Amino acid sequence: MPAQQPSRKPQLKIGLLDFEPLRVAGFESVCETLPHVAIVPVDLAEALHDRSLTMVMLGLHDPAASFETLAKLRATQPRLKMIVMGSETDEETIISAIGAGAKGYLKETATPEQVIMCIDVVASGSIWAPRKILSAFVDRMLNPSENKPVLRHNLSFTKREEEILELLQAARSNREIALSLGIEERTVKSHIAKMIKKAGVENRIALSVRAANWEKK
């Protein structure tokens, strides 16, 4: 019988978004020993539309902007696995990144071995983050405190709110939503504020993320 060929890991094409050239070179050096991993620098437009990407690693420079980027990627490419890397170490920032769709969080001081382990863990479908953060995240989901928004599933949105929510999930701005529906921008803002209150979330990004979760249930 012919000798069996060794099994190969599936190809991973990882897009690097919002990283300076030196950091990109570092990732390429770390992953050059992994024949199943291909590293490619991308901009946001490429990350949103390149269906060959398996994963995106995002530089976390401005948390609010990065969370919006995560929400856009999640809405446009729901199968894309996302990892964020930054200097932020506080619990709220990391939990918010996971809530916005990230499956992994790496500190900028991560070692090459930690980067490789994170890629493998996220590629397998699990979450990579500090243990105490994962514990806090699970505890918050199971025991929401009075000071945190509580996710509600039995919601009733009007037809107009549903139309706005659909466009919101497509990462449209208030102005784009208003133009698409033929209504005033201030009306869009009013509807979004009401939906945020109904859903018990803190902002439009969280609303979009929660809506994506509702659709999967």
N, C-alpha and C. Protein backbone atom coordinates (compact mmCIF):
# COMPACT_ATOMS: atom_id res chain seq x y z
N MET A 1 0.83 -1.19 0.00
CA MET A 1 0.00 0.00 0.00
C MET A 1 0.88 1.25 0.00
N PRO A 2 0.46 2.30 -0.73
CA PRO A 2 1.26 3.53 -0.74
C PRO A 2 1.25 4.20 0.62
N ALA A 3 2.36 4.81 0.95
CA ALA A 3 2.46 5.48 2.25
C ALA A 3 1.46 6.63 2.32
N GLN A 4 0.83 6.76 3.47
CA GLN A 4 -0.13 7.83 3.66
C GLN A 4 0.59 9.17 3.78
N GLN A 5 0.04 10.17 3.12
CA GLN A 5 0.60 11.51 3.21
C GLN A 5 0.22 12.13 4.56
N PRO A 6 1.11 12.84 5.20
CA PRO A 6 0.76 13.48 6.47
C PRO A 6 -0.36 14.50 6.25
N SER A 7 -1.29 14.53 7.21
CA SER A 7 -2.42 15.45 7.09
C SER A 7 -1.93 16.89 7.21
N ARG A 8 -2.55 17.76 6.44
CA ARG A 8 -2.18 19.17 6.47
C ARG A 8 -3.27 20.00 7.12
N LYS A 9 -2.85 21.00 7.86
CA LYS A 9 -3.82 21.91 8.44
C LYS A 9 -4.44 22.76 7.33
N PRO A 10 -5.70 23.13 7.48
CA PRO A 10 -6.32 23.98 6.47
C PRO A 10 -5.61 25.33 6.37
N GLN A 11 -5.56 25.88 5.16
CA GLN A 11 -4.89 27.16 4.94
C GLN A 11 -5.61 28.29 5.66
N LEU A 12 -4.84 29.11 6.37
CA LEU A 12 -5.38 30.28 7.04
C LEU A 12 -4.83 31.52 6.36
N LYS A 13 -5.71 32.36 5.84
CA LYS A 13 -5.29 33.63 5.26
C LYS A 13 -5.68 34.73 6.24
N ILE A 14 -4.67 35.36 6.83
CA ILE A 14 -4.89 36.34 7.89
C ILE A 14 -4.60 37.74 7.38
N GLY A 15 -5.60 38.62 7.46
CA GLY A 15 -5.41 40.00 7.08
C GLY A 15 -4.98 40.83 8.28
N LEU A 16 -3.97 41.66 8.09
CA LEU A 16 -3.48 42.55 9.15
C LEU A 16 -4.01 43.96 8.89
N LEU A 17 -4.81 44.46 9.81
CA LEU A 17 -5.49 45.73 9.63
C LEU A 17 -5.06 46.74 10.71
N ASP A 18 -4.67 47.92 10.27
CA ASP A 18 -4.25 49.00 11.17
C ASP A 18 -3.00 48.67 11.96
N PHE A 19 -2.01 48.10 11.27
CA PHE A 19 -0.70 47.85 11.88
C PHE A 19 0.37 48.60 11.09
N GLU A 20 1.35 49.16 11.80
CA GLU A 20 2.45 49.83 11.12
C GLU A 20 3.36 48.79 10.47
N PRO A 21 4.16 49.19 9.45
CA PRO A 21 5.00 48.24 8.70
C PRO A 21 5.91 47.38 9.57
N LEU A 22 6.47 47.96 10.63
CA LEU A 22 7.37 47.19 11.50
C LEU A 22 6.63 46.04 12.17
N ARG A 23 5.39 46.30 12.61
CA ARG A 23 4.58 45.26 13.24
C ARG A 23 4.20 44.19 12.22
N VAL A 24 3.88 44.61 11.00
CA VAL A 24 3.56 43.65 9.93
C VAL A 24 4.74 42.73 9.68
N ALA A 25 5.93 43.31 9.60
CA ALA A 25 7.14 42.51 9.39
C ALA A 25 7.34 41.52 10.53
N GLY A 26 7.01 41.95 11.75
CA GLY A 26 7.12 41.05 12.89
C GLY A 26 6.18 39.86 12.78
N PHE A 27 4.92 40.12 12.38
CA PHE A 27 3.97 39.03 12.20
C PHE A 27 4.42 38.07 11.10
N GLU A 28 4.93 38.63 10.02
CA GLU A 28 5.40 37.79 8.91
C GLU A 28 6.55 36.90 9.37
N SER A 29 7.43 37.45 10.20
CA SER A 29 8.55 36.67 10.72
C SER A 29 8.07 35.56 11.64
N VAL A 30 7.10 35.88 12.50
CA VAL A 30 6.56 34.89 13.44
C VAL A 30 5.90 33.74 12.70
N CYS A 31 5.18 34.06 11.63
CA CYS A 31 4.37 33.04 10.94
C CYS A 31 5.07 32.36 9.78
N GLU A 32 6.33 32.75 9.49
CA GLU A 32 7.00 32.16 8.34
C GLU A 32 7.29 30.67 8.54
N THR A 33 7.28 30.21 9.80
CA THR A 33 7.50 28.79 10.06
C THR A 33 6.19 27.99 10.03
N LEU A 34 5.08 28.68 9.76
CA LEU A 34 3.77 28.02 9.71
C LEU A 34 3.31 27.95 8.26
N PRO A 35 3.53 26.82 7.60
CA PRO A 35 3.19 26.73 6.17
C PRO A 35 1.70 26.87 5.87
N HIS A 36 0.86 26.68 6.89
CA HIS A 36 -0.59 26.77 6.67
C HIS A 36 -1.12 28.18 6.88
N VAL A 37 -0.24 29.14 7.21
CA VAL A 37 -0.67 30.51 7.49
C VAL A 37 -0.10 31.47 6.45
N ALA A 38 -0.99 32.29 5.87
CA ALA A 38 -0.57 33.34 4.94
C ALA A 38 -0.94 34.69 5.54
N ILE A 39 0.03 35.59 5.63
CA ILE A 39 -0.18 36.91 6.22
C ILE A 39 -0.25 37.96 5.11
N VAL A 40 -1.31 38.78 5.11
CA VAL A 40 -1.45 39.83 4.09
C VAL A 40 -1.93 41.14 4.74
N PRO A 41 -1.21 42.24 4.56
CA PRO A 41 -1.71 43.54 5.05
C PRO A 41 -2.94 43.93 4.24
N VAL A 42 -3.98 44.45 4.91
CA VAL A 42 -5.21 44.87 4.23
C VAL A 42 -5.68 46.21 4.79
N ASP A 43 -6.47 46.93 3.98
CA ASP A 43 -7.17 48.09 4.52
C ASP A 43 -8.60 47.66 4.83
N LEU A 44 -9.40 48.57 5.36
CA LEU A 44 -10.75 48.19 5.80
C LEU A 44 -11.61 47.70 4.64
N ALA A 45 -11.53 48.36 3.49
CA ALA A 45 -12.33 47.96 2.34
C ALA A 45 -12.00 46.53 1.92
N GLU A 46 -10.72 46.19 1.92
CA GLU A 46 -10.31 44.83 1.55
C GLU A 46 -10.80 43.83 2.58
N ALA A 47 -10.68 44.18 3.86
CA ALA A 47 -11.13 43.27 4.91
C ALA A 47 -12.63 43.02 4.83
N LEU A 48 -13.39 44.03 4.42
CA LEU A 48 -14.84 43.90 4.33
C LEU A 48 -15.28 43.05 3.15
N HIS A 49 -14.48 43.02 2.09
CA HIS A 49 -14.95 42.39 0.85
C HIS A 49 -14.14 41.17 0.39
N ASP A 50 -12.97 40.94 0.97
CA ASP A 50 -12.16 39.79 0.57
C ASP A 50 -12.68 38.52 1.23
N ARG A 51 -13.41 37.71 0.46
CA ARG A 51 -14.02 36.49 1.02
C ARG A 51 -13.01 35.37 1.23
N SER A 52 -11.78 35.56 0.75
CA SER A 52 -10.78 34.51 0.95
C SER A 52 -10.11 34.61 2.32
N LEU A 53 -10.35 35.72 3.02
CA LEU A 53 -9.76 35.87 4.35
C LEU A 53 -10.41 34.92 5.34
N THR A 54 -9.60 34.29 6.17
CA THR A 54 -10.09 33.42 7.24
C THR A 54 -10.17 34.18 8.55
N MET A 55 -9.23 35.10 8.72
CA MET A 55 -9.08 35.78 9.99
C MET A 55 -8.56 37.20 9.75
N VAL A 56 -8.87 38.10 10.67
CA VAL A 56 -8.32 39.46 10.64
C VAL A 56 -7.73 39.77 12.00
N MET A 57 -6.51 40.31 11.99
CA MET A 57 -5.90 40.82 13.21
C MET A 57 -5.94 42.33 13.13
N LEU A 58 -6.49 42.97 14.15
CA LEU A 58 -6.75 44.40 14.14
C LEU A 58 -5.95 45.10 15.23
N GLY A 59 -5.25 46.17 14.86
CA GLY A 59 -4.53 46.96 15.84
C GLY A 59 -5.49 47.85 16.62
N LEU A 60 -5.49 47.73 17.93
CA LEU A 60 -6.42 48.47 18.78
C LEU A 60 -5.76 49.77 19.23
N HIS A 61 -5.96 50.84 18.45
CA HIS A 61 -5.35 52.13 18.77
C HIS A 61 -6.37 53.04 19.46
N ASP A 62 -7.52 53.18 18.85
CA ASP A 62 -8.62 53.96 19.41
C ASP A 62 -9.76 52.99 19.66
N PRO A 63 -9.99 52.59 20.93
CA PRO A 63 -10.99 51.56 21.21
C PRO A 63 -12.35 51.79 20.56
N ALA A 64 -12.89 53.00 20.65
CA ALA A 64 -14.22 53.26 20.09
C ALA A 64 -14.23 53.00 18.59
N ALA A 65 -13.21 53.50 17.88
CA ALA A 65 -13.14 53.30 16.43
C ALA A 65 -12.92 51.83 16.10
N SER A 66 -12.10 51.16 16.90
CA SER A 66 -11.82 49.74 16.66
C SER A 66 -13.07 48.89 16.87
N PHE A 67 -13.87 49.22 17.89
CA PHE A 67 -15.09 48.46 18.14
C PHE A 67 -16.07 48.64 16.98
N GLU A 68 -16.10 49.85 16.42
CA GLU A 68 -16.97 50.08 15.26
C GLU A 68 -16.49 49.27 14.07
N THR A 69 -15.16 49.19 13.90
CA THR A 69 -14.61 48.37 12.82
C THR A 69 -14.96 46.90 13.01
N LEU A 70 -14.85 46.41 14.24
CA LEU A 70 -15.22 45.03 14.53
C LEU A 70 -16.69 44.77 14.19
N ALA A 71 -17.55 45.72 14.54
CA ALA A 71 -18.98 45.56 14.26
C ALA A 71 -19.23 45.53 12.76
N LYS A 72 -18.52 46.37 12.01
CA LYS A 72 -18.67 46.38 10.55
C LYS A 72 -18.23 45.04 9.95
N LEU A 73 -17.09 44.55 10.40
CA LEU A 73 -16.58 43.28 9.89
C LEU A 73 -17.53 42.14 10.24
N ARG A 74 -18.05 42.16 11.45
CA ARG A 74 -18.96 41.10 11.87
C ARG A 74 -20.25 41.12 11.07
N ALA A 75 -20.75 42.33 10.77
CA ALA A 75 -21.99 42.45 10.01
C ALA A 75 -21.80 42.03 8.55
N THR A 76 -20.62 42.35 7.99
CA THR A 76 -20.37 42.09 6.57
C THR A 76 -19.83 40.69 6.32
N GLN A 77 -18.94 40.23 7.21
CA GLN A 77 -18.34 38.90 7.07
C GLN A 77 -18.50 38.12 8.39
N PRO A 78 -19.70 37.62 8.66
CA PRO A 78 -19.97 36.97 9.95
C PRO A 78 -19.11 35.74 10.24
N ARG A 79 -18.56 35.11 9.20
CA ARG A 79 -17.73 33.91 9.43
C ARG A 79 -16.27 34.25 9.71
N LEU A 80 -15.91 35.51 9.55
CA LEU A 80 -14.53 35.93 9.75
C LEU A 80 -14.18 35.92 11.24
N LYS A 81 -13.06 35.29 11.57
CA LYS A 81 -12.59 35.28 12.96
C LYS A 81 -11.67 36.48 13.16
N MET A 82 -11.83 37.16 14.30
CA MET A 82 -11.10 38.40 14.52
C MET A 82 -10.31 38.39 15.83
N ILE A 83 -9.09 38.91 15.75
CA ILE A 83 -8.21 39.05 16.90
C ILE A 83 -7.80 40.51 16.99
N VAL A 84 -7.79 41.07 18.18
CA VAL A 84 -7.32 42.45 18.36
C VAL A 84 -6.04 42.43 19.18
N MET A 85 -5.17 43.40 18.89
CA MET A 85 -3.93 43.54 19.65
C MET A 85 -3.76 45.00 20.05
N GLY A 86 -3.47 45.23 21.32
CA GLY A 86 -3.29 46.61 21.77
C GLY A 86 -2.61 46.69 23.11
N SER A 87 -2.39 47.91 23.55
CA SER A 87 -1.74 48.14 24.84
C SER A 87 -2.75 48.21 25.98
N GLU A 88 -4.04 48.28 25.63
CA GLU A 88 -5.08 48.35 26.65
C GLU A 88 -5.14 47.05 27.45
N THR A 89 -5.16 47.18 28.77
CA THR A 89 -5.20 45.99 29.60
C THR A 89 -6.36 46.00 30.59
N ASP A 90 -7.18 47.09 30.57
CA ASP A 90 -8.27 47.13 31.54
C ASP A 90 -9.39 46.18 31.13
N GLU A 91 -10.08 45.67 32.12
CA GLU A 91 -11.10 44.64 31.92
C GLU A 91 -12.20 45.09 30.98
N GLU A 92 -12.69 46.31 31.13
CA GLU A 92 -13.81 46.78 30.32
C GLU A 92 -13.47 46.82 28.84
N THR A 93 -12.26 47.28 28.50
CA THR A 93 -11.87 47.37 27.10
C THR A 93 -11.82 45.99 26.45
N ILE A 94 -11.23 45.04 27.15
CA ILE A 94 -11.10 43.70 26.58
C ILE A 94 -12.46 43.02 26.47
N ILE A 95 -13.30 43.16 27.50
CA ILE A 95 -14.64 42.57 27.44
C ILE A 95 -15.45 43.22 26.33
N SER A 96 -15.30 44.53 26.14
CA SER A 96 -16.02 45.22 25.07
C SER A 96 -15.56 44.72 23.70
N ALA A 97 -14.26 44.46 23.57
CA ALA A 97 -13.73 43.94 22.30
C ALA A 97 -14.34 42.58 21.99
N ILE A 98 -14.44 41.73 23.01
CA ILE A 98 -15.06 40.40 22.82
C ILE A 98 -16.53 40.56 22.49
N GLY A 99 -17.20 41.47 23.20
CA GLY A 99 -18.62 41.71 22.94
C GLY A 99 -18.87 42.23 21.54
N ALA A 100 -17.88 42.97 20.97
CA ALA A 100 -18.03 43.52 19.63
C ALA A 100 -17.70 42.51 18.54
N GLY A 101 -17.22 41.32 18.94
CA GLY A 101 -16.99 40.28 17.94
C GLY A 101 -15.61 39.67 17.91
N ALA A 102 -14.65 40.22 18.68
CA ALA A 102 -13.30 39.66 18.69
C ALA A 102 -13.29 38.30 19.36
N LYS A 103 -12.54 37.38 18.79
CA LYS A 103 -12.38 36.05 19.37
C LYS A 103 -11.04 35.89 20.09
N GLY A 104 -10.19 36.91 19.97
CA GLY A 104 -8.91 36.85 20.64
C GLY A 104 -8.42 38.23 20.99
N TYR A 105 -7.70 38.34 22.12
CA TYR A 105 -7.12 39.61 22.52
C TYR A 105 -5.67 39.37 22.91
N LEU A 106 -4.76 40.07 22.23
CA LEU A 106 -3.34 39.97 22.49
C LEU A 106 -2.78 41.30 22.96
N LYS A 107 -1.92 41.27 23.97
CA LYS A 107 -1.19 42.48 24.36
C LYS A 107 -0.10 42.74 23.34
N GLU A 108 0.29 44.01 23.20
CA GLU A 108 1.36 44.36 22.27
C GLU A 108 2.68 43.71 22.66
N THR A 109 2.78 43.30 23.93
CA THR A 109 4.01 42.67 24.42
C THR A 109 3.97 41.15 24.28
N ALA A 110 2.99 40.62 23.57
CA ALA A 110 2.86 39.17 23.41
C ALA A 110 4.10 38.58 22.76
N THR A 111 4.49 37.40 23.20
CA THR A 111 5.63 36.71 22.61
C THR A 111 5.22 36.02 21.32
N PRO A 112 6.19 35.67 20.45
CA PRO A 112 5.85 34.93 19.23
C PRO A 112 5.06 33.66 19.52
N GLU A 113 5.43 32.97 20.59
CA GLU A 113 4.72 31.74 20.95
C GLU A 113 3.26 32.03 21.30
N GLN A 114 3.01 33.13 22.02
CA GLN A 114 1.63 33.49 22.38
C GLN A 114 0.82 33.88 21.15
N VAL A 115 1.45 34.56 20.20
CA VAL A 115 0.76 34.92 18.95
C VAL A 115 0.34 33.66 18.20
N ILE A 116 1.25 32.70 18.09
CA ILE A 116 0.94 31.46 17.37
C ILE A 116 -0.16 30.68 18.09
N MET A 117 -0.08 30.61 19.43
CA MET A 117 -1.11 29.90 20.19
C MET A 117 -2.46 30.58 20.04
N CYS A 118 -2.48 31.91 20.05
CA CYS A 118 -3.73 32.65 19.89
C CYS A 118 -4.35 32.34 18.53
N ILE A 119 -3.56 32.37 17.48
CA ILE A 119 -4.06 32.07 16.13
C ILE A 119 -4.66 30.68 16.08
N ASP A 120 -3.95 29.70 16.64
CA ASP A 120 -4.44 28.32 16.63
C ASP A 120 -5.73 28.17 17.43
N VAL A 121 -5.80 28.80 18.60
CA VAL A 121 -6.99 28.69 19.45
C VAL A 121 -8.20 29.32 18.77
N VAL A 122 -8.02 30.52 18.23
CA VAL A 122 -9.14 31.21 17.56
C VAL A 122 -9.56 30.47 16.31
N ALA A 123 -8.59 29.95 15.55
CA ALA A 123 -8.91 29.20 14.34
C ALA A 123 -9.73 27.96 14.66
N SER A 124 -9.51 27.39 15.86
CA SER A 124 -10.24 26.17 16.25
C SER A 124 -11.66 26.47 16.74
N GLY A 125 -11.98 27.76 16.90
CA GLY A 125 -13.33 28.14 17.30
C GLY A 125 -13.46 28.58 18.75
N SER A 126 -12.34 28.66 19.47
CA SER A 126 -12.37 29.07 20.88
C SER A 126 -11.96 30.54 21.01
N ILE A 127 -12.00 31.04 22.24
CA ILE A 127 -11.65 32.43 22.51
C ILE A 127 -10.31 32.47 23.26
N TRP A 128 -9.45 33.41 22.85
CA TRP A 128 -8.16 33.60 23.51
C TRP A 128 -8.17 34.95 24.21
N ALA A 129 -8.06 34.93 25.52
CA ALA A 129 -8.00 36.16 26.31
C ALA A 129 -7.47 35.78 27.69
N PRO A 130 -7.00 36.76 28.47
CA PRO A 130 -6.55 36.44 29.83
C PRO A 130 -7.63 35.71 30.61
N ARG A 131 -7.23 34.74 31.40
CA ARG A 131 -8.19 33.88 32.12
C ARG A 131 -9.14 34.69 32.98
N LYS A 132 -8.64 35.70 33.68
CA LYS A 132 -9.52 36.48 34.56
C LYS A 132 -10.55 37.27 33.75
N ILE A 133 -10.20 37.65 32.52
CA ILE A 133 -11.14 38.37 31.66
C ILE A 133 -12.24 37.43 31.19
N LEU A 134 -11.86 36.23 30.79
CA LEU A 134 -12.86 35.25 30.37
C LEU A 134 -13.80 34.92 31.52
N SER A 135 -13.24 34.79 32.72
CA SER A 135 -14.06 34.51 33.89
C SER A 135 -15.05 35.64 34.15
N ALA A 136 -14.56 36.89 34.05
CA ALA A 136 -15.43 38.05 34.27
C ALA A 136 -16.50 38.14 33.20
N PHE A 137 -16.12 37.82 31.96
CA PHE A 137 -17.07 37.88 30.84
C PHE A 137 -18.20 36.86 31.03
N VAL A 138 -17.83 35.62 31.39
CA VAL A 138 -18.84 34.58 31.62
C VAL A 138 -19.72 34.95 32.80
N ASP A 139 -19.09 35.44 33.88
CA ASP A 139 -19.85 35.82 35.07
C ASP A 139 -20.85 36.93 34.76
N ARG A 140 -20.44 37.87 33.92
CA ARG A 140 -21.33 38.98 33.56
C ARG A 140 -22.51 38.49 32.72
N MET A 141 -22.25 37.53 31.84
CA MET A 141 -23.33 36.99 31.01
C MET A 141 -24.33 36.20 31.85
N LEU A 142 -23.82 35.50 32.87
CA LEU A 142 -24.70 34.68 33.70
C LEU A 142 -25.37 35.48 34.81
N ASN A 143 -24.66 36.51 35.30
CA ASN A 143 -25.19 37.28 36.42
C ASN A 143 -25.05 38.78 36.15
N PRO A 144 -25.84 39.31 35.22
CA PRO A 144 -25.73 40.74 34.92
C PRO A 144 -26.00 41.59 36.15
N SER A 145 -25.13 42.54 36.43
CA SER A 145 -25.30 43.39 37.61
C SER A 145 -26.29 44.51 37.31
N GLU A 146 -26.70 45.19 38.36
CA GLU A 146 -27.65 46.29 38.20
C GLU A 146 -27.02 47.46 37.46
N ASN A 147 -25.70 47.52 37.47
CA ASN A 147 -25.03 48.65 36.84
C ASN A 147 -24.72 48.39 35.37
N LYS A 148 -25.02 47.20 34.88
CA LYS A 148 -24.74 46.87 33.49
C LYS A 148 -26.04 46.63 32.74
N PRO A 149 -26.07 46.96 31.45
CA PRO A 149 -27.27 46.70 30.67
C PRO A 149 -27.60 45.22 30.65
N VAL A 150 -28.87 44.91 30.69
CA VAL A 150 -29.33 43.52 30.63
C VAL A 150 -29.91 43.25 29.26
N LEU A 151 -29.42 42.22 28.60
CA LEU A 151 -29.91 41.87 27.27
C LEU A 151 -31.33 41.35 27.35
N ARG A 152 -32.18 41.89 26.54
CA ARG A 152 -33.57 41.44 26.49
C ARG A 152 -33.86 40.84 25.12
N HIS A 153 -34.51 39.69 25.08
CA HIS A 153 -34.79 39.01 23.82
C HIS A 153 -36.22 39.22 23.35
N ASN A 154 -37.15 39.42 24.26
CA ASN A 154 -38.57 39.52 23.90
C ASN A 154 -38.92 40.97 23.57
N LEU A 155 -38.29 41.48 22.51
CA LEU A 155 -38.49 42.86 22.13
C LEU A 155 -39.47 42.98 20.97
N SER A 156 -40.06 44.13 20.88
CA SER A 156 -40.99 44.41 19.78
C SER A 156 -40.58 45.71 19.13
N PHE A 157 -40.05 45.63 17.90
CA PHE A 157 -39.67 46.81 17.16
C PHE A 157 -40.73 47.13 16.11
N THR A 158 -40.87 48.42 15.83
CA THR A 158 -41.79 48.82 14.77
C THR A 158 -41.15 48.48 13.42
N LYS A 159 -41.95 48.54 12.37
CA LYS A 159 -41.43 48.25 11.03
C LYS A 159 -40.30 49.20 10.68
N ARG A 160 -40.48 50.49 11.00
CA ARG A 160 -39.45 51.48 10.70
C ARG A 160 -38.18 51.19 11.48
N GLU A 161 -38.31 50.81 12.76
CA GLU A 161 -37.14 50.49 13.56
C GLU A 161 -36.40 49.29 13.00
N GLU A 162 -37.14 48.30 12.51
CA GLU A 162 -36.52 47.13 11.91
C GLU A 162 -35.75 47.50 10.65
N GLU A 163 -36.30 48.43 9.86
CA GLU A 163 -35.61 48.89 8.65
C GLU A 163 -34.31 49.60 9.01
N ILE A 164 -34.37 50.44 10.03
CA ILE A 164 -33.18 51.16 10.47
C ILE A 164 -32.15 50.20 11.04
N LEU A 165 -32.60 49.22 11.82
CA LEU A 165 -31.70 48.25 12.42
C LEU A 165 -30.96 47.44 11.36
N GLU A 166 -31.67 47.08 10.30
CA GLU A 166 -31.04 46.31 9.21
C GLU A 166 -29.92 47.11 8.56
N LEU A 167 -30.16 48.40 8.35
CA LEU A 167 -29.13 49.26 7.75
C LEU A 167 -28.01 49.54 8.74
N LEU A 168 -28.35 49.62 10.01
CA LEU A 168 -27.35 49.82 11.06
C LEU A 168 -26.38 48.64 11.09
N GLN A 169 -26.91 47.43 10.94
CA GLN A 169 -26.07 46.23 10.92
C GLN A 169 -25.18 46.18 9.69
N ALA A 170 -25.57 46.87 8.65
CA ALA A 170 -24.75 46.95 7.44
C ALA A 170 -23.71 48.07 7.54
N ALA A 171 -23.56 48.61 8.76
CA ALA A 171 -22.56 49.64 9.07
C ALA A 171 -22.81 50.95 8.34
N ARG A 172 -24.09 51.28 8.11
CA ARG A 172 -24.43 52.55 7.48
C ARG A 172 -24.45 53.66 8.54
N SER A 173 -24.06 54.86 8.13
CA SER A 173 -24.10 56.01 9.03
C SER A 173 -25.53 56.52 9.14
N ASN A 174 -25.78 57.40 10.12
CA ASN A 174 -27.12 57.98 10.27
C ASN A 174 -27.55 58.68 8.99
N ARG A 175 -26.63 59.40 8.37
CA ARG A 175 -26.95 60.13 7.13
C ARG A 175 -27.31 59.16 6.01
N GLU A 176 -26.55 58.07 5.89
CA GLU A 176 -26.82 57.08 4.83
C GLU A 176 -28.17 56.40 5.07
N ILE A 177 -28.48 56.11 6.33
CA ILE A 177 -29.77 55.49 6.67
C ILE A 177 -30.90 56.44 6.31
N ALA A 178 -30.74 57.72 6.65
CA ALA A 178 -31.77 58.72 6.37
C ALA A 178 -32.02 58.84 4.86
N LEU A 179 -30.95 58.88 4.09
CA LEU A 179 -31.08 58.99 2.64
C LEU A 179 -31.74 57.75 2.04
N SER A 180 -31.37 56.58 2.56
CA SER A 180 -31.92 55.34 2.05
C SER A 180 -33.42 55.22 2.32
N LEU A 181 -33.86 55.70 3.47
CA LEU A 181 -35.27 55.57 3.86
C LEU A 181 -36.09 56.82 3.57
N GLY A 182 -35.43 57.89 3.11
CA GLY A 182 -36.15 59.11 2.80
C GLY A 182 -36.71 59.83 4.01
N ILE A 183 -35.95 59.81 5.11
CA ILE A 183 -36.39 60.48 6.33
C ILE A 183 -35.29 61.41 6.82
N GLU A 184 -35.58 62.23 7.82
CA GLU A 184 -34.60 63.16 8.36
C GLU A 184 -33.55 62.41 9.21
N GLU A 185 -32.34 62.93 9.22
CA GLU A 185 -31.27 62.32 10.00
C GLU A 185 -31.61 62.35 11.49
N ARG A 186 -32.24 63.43 11.95
CA ARG A 186 -32.61 63.51 13.36
C ARG A 186 -33.65 62.46 13.73
N THR A 187 -34.49 62.06 12.75
CA THR A 187 -35.47 61.00 12.99
C THR A 187 -34.77 59.67 13.18
N VAL A 188 -33.73 59.45 12.38
CA VAL A 188 -32.93 58.22 12.52
C VAL A 188 -32.31 58.16 13.91
N LYS A 189 -31.73 59.27 14.35
CA LYS A 189 -31.10 59.33 15.67
C LYS A 189 -32.12 59.03 16.77
N SER A 190 -33.32 59.56 16.60
CA SER A 190 -34.37 59.34 17.60
C SER A 190 -34.76 57.87 17.67
N HIS A 191 -34.93 57.24 16.50
CA HIS A 191 -35.30 55.82 16.47
C HIS A 191 -34.20 54.95 17.11
N ILE A 192 -32.94 55.26 16.78
CA ILE A 192 -31.82 54.48 17.32
C ILE A 192 -31.75 54.62 18.83
N ALA A 193 -31.97 55.83 19.32
CA ALA A 193 -31.96 56.06 20.78
C ALA A 193 -33.04 55.23 21.46
N LYS A 194 -34.22 55.15 20.84
CA LYS A 194 -35.32 54.36 21.41
C LYS A 194 -34.98 52.87 21.41
N MET A 195 -34.36 52.39 20.32
CA MET A 195 -34.00 50.96 20.23
C MET A 195 -32.92 50.60 21.24
N ILE A 196 -31.97 51.50 21.44
CA ILE A 196 -30.92 51.27 22.44
C ILE A 196 -31.53 51.13 23.83
N LYS A 197 -32.51 51.99 24.11
CA LYS A 197 -33.19 51.92 25.41
C LYS A 197 -33.99 50.63 25.54
N LYS A 198 -34.69 50.25 24.48
CA LYS A 198 -35.49 49.01 24.50
C LYS A 198 -34.60 47.80 24.74
N ALA A 199 -33.45 47.78 24.03
CA ALA A 199 -32.58 46.61 24.09
C ALA A 199 -31.76 46.54 25.37
N GLY A 200 -31.67 47.67 26.08
CA GLY A 200 -30.88 47.69 27.31
C GLY A 200 -29.40 47.64 27.06
N VAL A 201 -28.95 48.27 25.96
CA VAL A 201 -27.52 48.32 25.65
C VAL A 201 -27.05 49.76 25.77
N GLU A 202 -25.73 49.97 25.55
CA GLU A 202 -25.15 51.28 25.81
C GLU A 202 -25.00 52.16 24.57
N ASN A 203 -24.86 51.55 23.38
CA ASN A 203 -24.61 52.34 22.19
C ASN A 203 -25.04 51.60 20.93
N ARG A 204 -24.91 52.25 19.78
CA ARG A 204 -25.35 51.68 18.51
C ARG A 204 -24.55 50.45 18.11
N ILE A 205 -23.25 50.42 18.48
CA ILE A 205 -22.44 49.25 18.15
C ILE A 205 -22.94 48.04 18.91
N ALA A 206 -23.20 48.22 20.21
CA ALA A 206 -23.72 47.11 21.01
C ALA A 206 -25.09 46.67 20.51
N LEU A 207 -25.91 47.62 20.06
CA LEU A 207 -27.22 47.30 19.52
C LEU A 207 -27.09 46.41 18.29
N SER A 208 -26.16 46.77 17.39
CA SER A 208 -25.93 45.99 16.18
C SER A 208 -25.45 44.58 16.51
N VAL A 209 -24.52 44.50 17.48
CA VAL A 209 -23.98 43.20 17.89
C VAL A 209 -25.09 42.33 18.50
N ARG A 210 -25.90 42.93 19.37
CA ARG A 210 -26.99 42.18 20.01
C ARG A 210 -27.98 41.69 18.96
N ALA A 211 -28.27 42.54 17.98
CA ALA A 211 -29.22 42.16 16.94
C ALA A 211 -28.71 40.95 16.14
N ALA A 212 -27.40 40.92 15.90
CA ALA A 212 -26.81 39.78 15.20
C ALA A 212 -26.97 38.51 16.01
N ASN A 213 -26.85 38.63 17.34
CA ASN A 213 -27.03 37.47 18.22
C ASN A 213 -28.49 37.00 18.24
N TRP A 214 -29.45 37.95 18.23
CA TRP A 214 -30.85 37.58 18.25
C TRP A 214 -31.19 36.76 17.01
N GLU A 215 -30.62 37.15 15.86
CA GLU A 215 -30.97 36.47 14.61
C GLU A 215 -30.50 35.01 14.61
N LYS A 216 -29.45 34.73 15.42
CA LYS A 216 -28.91 33.38 15.45
C LYS A 216 -29.70 32.47 16.39
N LYS A 217 -30.56 33.03 17.23
CA LYS A 217 -31.26 32.24 18.24
C LYS A 217 -32.52 31.63 17.67
